[in-house]
Amino acid sequence: MRKLVRATLLLMCGILGGALLHAQSVSHHSTNLKVYVEPLNGSNADLDRSIRSRLIDDFVRHGIFVVESEESADAILTGSALTQSTFGTSIGRRPNMRIRGSMRLFNSKGVALWAEDVSSDRYVLSQSSSFVSNVTKRVAKALTEEESRKSSNPAVQEVKRPD
């Protein structure tokens, strides 16, 4: 019985430690570009509102400017998110939930800066926090690349993609 308690405590410490390391791994990104986060259009309205709100909070916390209207934005984040559950089939296996989303970042002219299917990490305490963190990292990288591209080539004209 003691071995089981010790093993459980070690497992919980490992999971908690991994989640804390993951939360600390997102560094502070600073960009002058302003982002509008569109309401997500997944199948679960509550999840969509929660993810959008958490994305905005995470962007602000990491130095990404967020605006309340598309007109004043340099980039627009769109996408959808859904939860996927797997159920344990053998004794002792727990159900596992992950959040997956198809996310896109467009500049104000409609040119795609970034598009990717993003998912939460496995074995974290909060799937939504993991998903938001993963999106934030990728958006910050895309914004930094766009900003450096603009500053190194200001004379380059962007072509709007055909609809």
C-alpha atoms as a PDB file:
ATOM      1  CA  MET A   1       0.000   0.000   0.000  1.00  0.00           C
ATOM      2  CA  ARG A   2       2.839   2.402   0.841  1.00  0.00           C
ATOM      3  CA  LYS A   3       4.462   1.728  -2.513  1.00  0.00           C
ATOM      4  CA  LEU A   4       1.211   2.627  -4.246  1.00  0.00           C
ATOM      5  CA  VAL A   5       0.923   5.881  -2.277  1.00  0.00           C
ATOM      6  CA  ARG A   6       4.555   6.788  -3.046  1.00  0.00           C
ATOM      7  CA  ALA A   7       4.111   5.986  -6.738  1.00  0.00           C
ATOM      8  CA  THR A   8       0.948   8.070  -6.883  1.00  0.00           C
ATOM      9  CA  LEU A   9       2.636  11.018  -5.161  1.00  0.00           C
ATOM     10  CA  LEU A  10       5.647  10.795  -7.503  1.00  0.00           C
ATOM     11  CA  LEU A  11       3.357  10.680 -10.521  1.00  0.00           C
ATOM     12  CA  MET A  12       1.380  13.690  -9.314  1.00  0.00           C
ATOM     13  CA  CYS A  13       4.580  15.642  -8.635  1.00  0.00           C
ATOM     14  CA  GLY A  14       5.845  14.805 -12.112  1.00  0.00           C
ATOM     15  CA  ILE A  15       2.624  15.952 -13.766  1.00  0.00           C
ATOM     16  CA  LEU A  16       2.496  19.146 -11.693  1.00  0.00           C
ATOM     17  CA  GLY A  17       6.176  19.848 -12.355  1.00  0.00           C
ATOM     18  CA  GLY A  18       5.674  19.353 -16.094  1.00  0.00           C
ATOM     19  CA  ALA A  19       2.698  21.707 -16.101  1.00  0.00           C
ATOM     20  CA  LEU A  20       4.663  24.367 -14.224  1.00  0.00           C
ATOM     21  CA  LEU A  21       7.616  24.059 -16.596  1.00  0.00           C
ATOM     22  CA  HIS A  22       5.252  24.319 -19.544  1.00  0.00           C
ATOM     23  CA  ALA A  23       3.633  27.448 -18.106  1.00  0.00           C
ATOM     24  CA  GLN A  24       7.043  29.063 -17.586  1.00  0.00           C
ATOM     25  CA  SER A  25       8.283  28.174 -21.076  1.00  0.00           C
ATOM     26  CA  VAL A  26       6.243  30.910 -22.799  1.00  0.00           C
ATOM     27  CA  SER A  27       8.502  33.929 -22.797  1.00  0.00           C
ATOM     28  CA  HIS A  28       7.487  37.560 -23.039  1.00  0.00           C
ATOM     29  CA  HIS A  29       7.068  38.629 -26.671  1.00  0.00           C
ATOM     30  CA  SER A  30       6.824  42.271 -27.518  1.00  0.00           C
ATOM     31  CA  THR A  31       5.499  43.526 -30.819  1.00  0.00           C
ATOM     32  CA  ASN A  32       4.032  46.793 -32.025  1.00  0.00           C
ATOM     33  CA  LEU A  33       1.417  45.056 -34.150  1.00  0.00           C
ATOM     34  CA  LYS A  34      -2.161  45.069 -32.867  1.00  0.00           C
ATOM     35  CA  VAL A  35      -4.276  41.915 -32.973  1.00  0.00           C
ATOM     36  CA  TYR A  36      -8.030  41.477 -33.043  1.00  0.00           C
ATOM     37  CA  VAL A  37      -9.197  38.077 -31.776  1.00  0.00           C
ATOM     38  CA  GLU A  38     -12.374  37.089 -33.603  1.00  0.00           C
ATOM     39  CA  PRO A  39     -14.958  35.052 -31.733  1.00  0.00           C
ATOM     40  CA  LEU A  40     -14.162  31.393 -32.361  1.00  0.00           C
ATOM     41  CA  ASN A  41     -16.683  29.338 -34.301  1.00  0.00           C
ATOM     42  CA  GLY A  42     -16.482  25.835 -32.888  1.00  0.00           C
ATOM     43  CA  SER A  43     -19.355  23.581 -31.894  1.00  0.00           C
ATOM     44  CA  ASN A  44     -19.239  24.515 -28.191  1.00  0.00           C
ATOM     45  CA  ALA A  45     -20.106  28.197 -27.637  1.00  0.00           C
ATOM     46  CA  ASP A  46     -19.010  28.151 -23.965  1.00  0.00           C
ATOM     47  CA  LEU A  47     -15.619  26.671 -24.848  1.00  0.00           C
ATOM     48  CA  ASP A  48     -15.219  29.191 -27.693  1.00  0.00           C
ATOM     49  CA  ARG A  49     -15.919  32.178 -25.413  1.00  0.00           C
ATOM     50  CA  SER A  50     -13.607  30.828 -22.735  1.00  0.00           C
ATOM     51  CA  ILE A  51     -10.736  30.159 -25.159  1.00  0.00           C
ATOM     52  CA  ARG A  52     -11.137  33.604 -26.782  1.00  0.00           C
ATOM     53  CA  SER A  53     -11.077  35.324 -23.403  1.00  0.00           C
ATOM     54  CA  ARG A  54      -8.026  33.343 -22.300  1.00  0.00           C
ATOM     55  CA  LEU A  55      -6.246  34.072 -25.591  1.00  0.00           C
ATOM     56  CA  ILE A  56      -6.776  37.804 -25.087  1.00  0.00           C
ATOM     57  CA  ASP A  57      -5.509  37.588 -21.502  1.00  0.00           C
ATOM     58  CA  ASP A  58      -2.461  35.558 -22.547  1.00  0.00           C
ATOM     59  CA  PHE A  59      -1.650  37.889 -25.454  1.00  0.00           C
ATOM     60  CA  VAL A  60      -1.736  40.938 -23.183  1.00  0.00           C
ATOM     61  CA  ARG A  61       0.348  39.163 -20.538  1.00  0.00           C
ATOM     62  CA  HIS A  62       2.993  38.384 -23.180  1.00  0.00           C
ATOM     63  CA  GLY A  63       3.219  41.852 -24.705  1.00  0.00           C
ATOM     64  CA  ILE A  64       0.905  41.391 -27.682  1.00  0.00           C
ATOM     65  CA  PHE A  65      -1.407  44.375 -28.172  1.00  0.00           C
ATOM     66  CA  VAL A  66      -5.069  43.390 -28.470  1.00  0.00           C
ATOM     67  CA  VAL A  67      -7.712  45.702 -29.928  1.00  0.00           C
ATOM     68  CA  GLU A  68     -11.494  45.511 -29.804  1.00  0.00           C
ATOM     69  CA  SER A  69     -12.211  46.056 -33.507  1.00  0.00           C
ATOM     70  CA  GLU A  70     -10.970  44.630 -36.791  1.00  0.00           C
ATOM     71  CA  GLU A  71     -10.631  48.119 -38.261  1.00  0.00           C
ATOM     72  CA  SER A  72      -7.881  49.126 -35.836  1.00  0.00           C
ATOM     73  CA  ALA A  73      -6.007  45.810 -36.036  1.00  0.00           C
ATOM     74  CA  ASP A  74      -2.821  44.970 -37.923  1.00  0.00           C
ATOM     75  CA  ALA A  75      -3.670  41.266 -37.698  1.00  0.00           C
ATOM     76  CA  ILE A  76      -6.781  39.186 -37.106  1.00  0.00           C
ATOM     77  CA  LEU A  77      -6.818  35.794 -35.362  1.00  0.00           C
ATOM     78  CA  THR A  78      -9.623  33.449 -36.410  1.00  0.00           C
ATOM     79  CA  GLY A  79     -10.330  29.804 -35.843  1.00  0.00           C
ATOM     80  CA  SER A  80     -12.329  27.141 -34.147  1.00  0.00           C
ATOM     81  CA  ALA A  81     -11.694  24.807 -31.235  1.00  0.00           C
ATOM     82  CA  LEU A  82     -13.135  21.516 -30.137  1.00  0.00           C
ATOM     83  CA  THR A  83     -12.591  19.027 -27.372  1.00  0.00           C
ATOM     84  CA  GLN A  84     -11.655  15.442 -28.055  1.00  0.00           C
ATOM     85  CA  SER A  85     -12.076  12.781 -25.411  1.00  0.00           C
ATOM     86  CA  THR A  86     -10.623   9.327 -25.321  1.00  0.00           C
ATOM     87  CA  PHE A  87     -11.897   6.864 -22.794  1.00  0.00           C
ATOM     88  CA  GLY A  88      -9.738   4.291 -21.085  1.00  0.00           C
ATOM     89  CA  THR A  89     -10.497   0.784 -22.257  1.00  0.00           C
ATOM     90  CA  SER A  90      -8.708  -1.150 -19.554  1.00  0.00           C
ATOM     91  CA  ILE A  91      -8.911  -1.046 -15.794  1.00  0.00           C
ATOM     92  CA  GLY A  92      -6.953   1.837 -14.365  1.00  0.00           C
ATOM     93  CA  ARG A  93      -6.887   3.956 -17.526  1.00  0.00           C
ATOM     94  CA  ARG A  94      -8.438   7.376 -17.115  1.00  0.00           C
ATOM     95  CA  PRO A  95     -10.306   9.281 -19.781  1.00  0.00           C
ATOM     96  CA  ASN A  96      -8.158  11.840 -21.543  1.00  0.00           C
ATOM     97  CA  MET A  97      -9.367  15.147 -22.965  1.00  0.00           C
ATOM     98  CA  ARG A  98      -7.526  17.366 -25.443  1.00  0.00           C
ATOM     99  CA  ILE A  99      -8.421  20.612 -27.102  1.00  0.00           C
ATOM    100  CA  ARG A 100      -7.693  20.944 -30.794  1.00  0.00           C
ATOM    101  CA  GLY A 101      -8.204  23.943 -32.991  1.00  0.00           C
ATOM    102  CA  SER A 102      -7.663  25.157 -36.499  1.00  0.00           C
ATOM    103  CA  MET A 103      -6.270  28.661 -36.092  1.00  0.00           C
ATOM    104  CA  ARG A 104      -5.333  31.337 -38.642  1.00  0.00           C
ATOM    105  CA  LEU A 105      -3.700  34.757 -38.416  1.00  0.00           C
ATOM    106  CA  PHE A 106      -4.290  37.245 -41.258  1.00  0.00           C
ATOM    107  CA  ASN A 107      -2.896  40.708 -41.706  1.00  0.00           C
ATOM    108  CA  SER A 108      -5.281  43.625 -42.262  1.00  0.00           C
ATOM    109  CA  LYS A 109      -5.147  43.063 -46.031  1.00  0.00           C
ATOM    110  CA  GLY A 110      -6.305  39.453 -45.706  1.00  0.00           C
ATOM    111  CA  VAL A 111      -2.940  37.809 -46.323  1.00  0.00           C
ATOM    112  CA  ALA A 112      -2.354  34.713 -44.191  1.00  0.00           C
ATOM    113  CA  LEU A 113       0.573  35.180 -41.822  1.00  0.00           C
ATOM    114  CA  TRP A 114       0.142  31.860 -40.054  1.00  0.00           C
ATOM    115  CA  ALA A 115      -2.251  28.906 -40.176  1.00  0.00           C
ATOM    116  CA  GLU A 116      -1.943  25.705 -38.217  1.00  0.00           C
ATOM    117  CA  ASP A 117      -3.848  23.016 -36.396  1.00  0.00           C
ATOM    118  CA  VAL A 118      -2.968  23.468 -32.733  1.00  0.00           C
ATOM    119  CA  SER A 119      -3.680  21.121 -29.848  1.00  0.00           C
ATOM    120  CA  SER A 120      -3.175  21.105 -26.129  1.00  0.00           C
ATOM    121  CA  ASP A 121      -0.313  19.076 -24.728  1.00  0.00           C
ATOM    122  CA  ARG A 122      -0.918  15.692 -23.170  1.00  0.00           C
ATOM    123  CA  TYR A 123      -0.674  15.140 -19.449  1.00  0.00           C
ATOM    124  CA  VAL A 124      -1.165  18.728 -18.315  1.00  0.00           C
ATOM    125  CA  LEU A 125      -3.518  19.844 -15.588  1.00  0.00           C
ATOM    126  CA  SER A 126      -5.352  22.384 -17.741  1.00  0.00           C
ATOM    127  CA  GLN A 127      -6.005  21.521 -21.370  1.00  0.00           C
ATOM    128  CA  SER A 128      -7.353  24.988 -22.167  1.00  0.00           C
ATOM    129  CA  SER A 129      -4.292  26.714 -20.686  1.00  0.00           C
ATOM    130  CA  SER A 130      -2.025  24.432 -22.692  1.00  0.00           C
ATOM    131  CA  PHE A 131      -3.954  25.148 -25.902  1.00  0.00           C
ATOM    132  CA  VAL A 132      -3.894  28.919 -25.293  1.00  0.00           C
ATOM    133  CA  SER A 133      -0.173  28.828 -24.505  1.00  0.00           C
ATOM    134  CA  ASN A 134       0.571  26.915 -27.709  1.00  0.00           C
ATOM    135  CA  VAL A 135      -1.450  29.378 -29.799  1.00  0.00           C
ATOM    136  CA  THR A 136       0.210  32.372 -28.093  1.00  0.00           C
ATOM    137  CA  LYS A 137       3.703  31.065 -28.868  1.00  0.00           C
ATOM    138  CA  ARG A 138       2.887  30.563 -32.535  1.00  0.00           C
ATOM    139  CA  VAL A 139       1.075  33.893 -32.943  1.00  0.00           C
ATOM    140  CA  ALA A 140       3.937  35.761 -31.246  1.00  0.00           C
ATOM    141  CA  LYS A 141       6.421  34.147 -33.619  1.00  0.00           C
ATOM    142  CA  ALA A 142       4.291  35.013 -36.677  1.00  0.00           C
ATOM    143  CA  LEU A 143       3.864  38.624 -35.512  1.00  0.00           C
ATOM    144  CA  THR A 144       7.593  38.993 -34.884  1.00  0.00           C
ATOM    145  CA  GLU A 145       8.355  37.635 -38.358  1.00  0.00           C
ATOM    146  CA  GLU A 146       5.778  39.969 -39.930  1.00  0.00           C
ATOM    147  CA  GLU A 147       7.158  42.958 -38.061  1.00  0.00           C
ATOM    148  CA  SER A 148      10.738  42.201 -39.096  1.00  0.00           C
ATOM    149  CA  ARG A 149       9.622  41.608 -42.688  1.00  0.00           C
ATOM    150  CA  LYS A 150       7.847  44.971 -42.735  1.00  0.00           C
ATOM    151  CA  SER A 151      10.808  46.817 -41.233  1.00  0.00           C
ATOM    152  CA  SER A 152      13.356  45.223 -43.561  1.00  0.00           C
ATOM    153  CA  ASN A 153      11.277  45.676 -46.732  1.00  0.00           C
ATOM    154  CA  PRO A 154       8.900  48.636 -46.315  1.00  0.00           C
ATOM    155  CA  ALA A 155       8.626  49.163 -50.092  1.00  0.00           C
ATOM    156  CA  VAL A 156       7.286  45.657 -50.757  1.00  0.00           C
ATOM    157  CA  GLN A 157       3.630  45.788 -51.749  1.00  0.00           C
ATOM    158  CA  GLU A 158       1.382  43.088 -50.388  1.00  0.00           C
ATOM    159  CA  VAL A 159      -1.034  41.394 -52.718  1.00  0.00           C
ATOM    160  CA  LYS A 160      -4.435  40.508 -51.342  1.00  0.00           C
ATOM    161  CA  ARG A 161      -5.325  36.878 -51.818  1.00  0.00           C
ATOM    162  CA  PRO A 162      -8.228  36.244 -54.183  1.00  0.00           C
ATOM    163  CA  ASP A 163     -11.517  35.341 -52.498  1.00  0.00           C
END
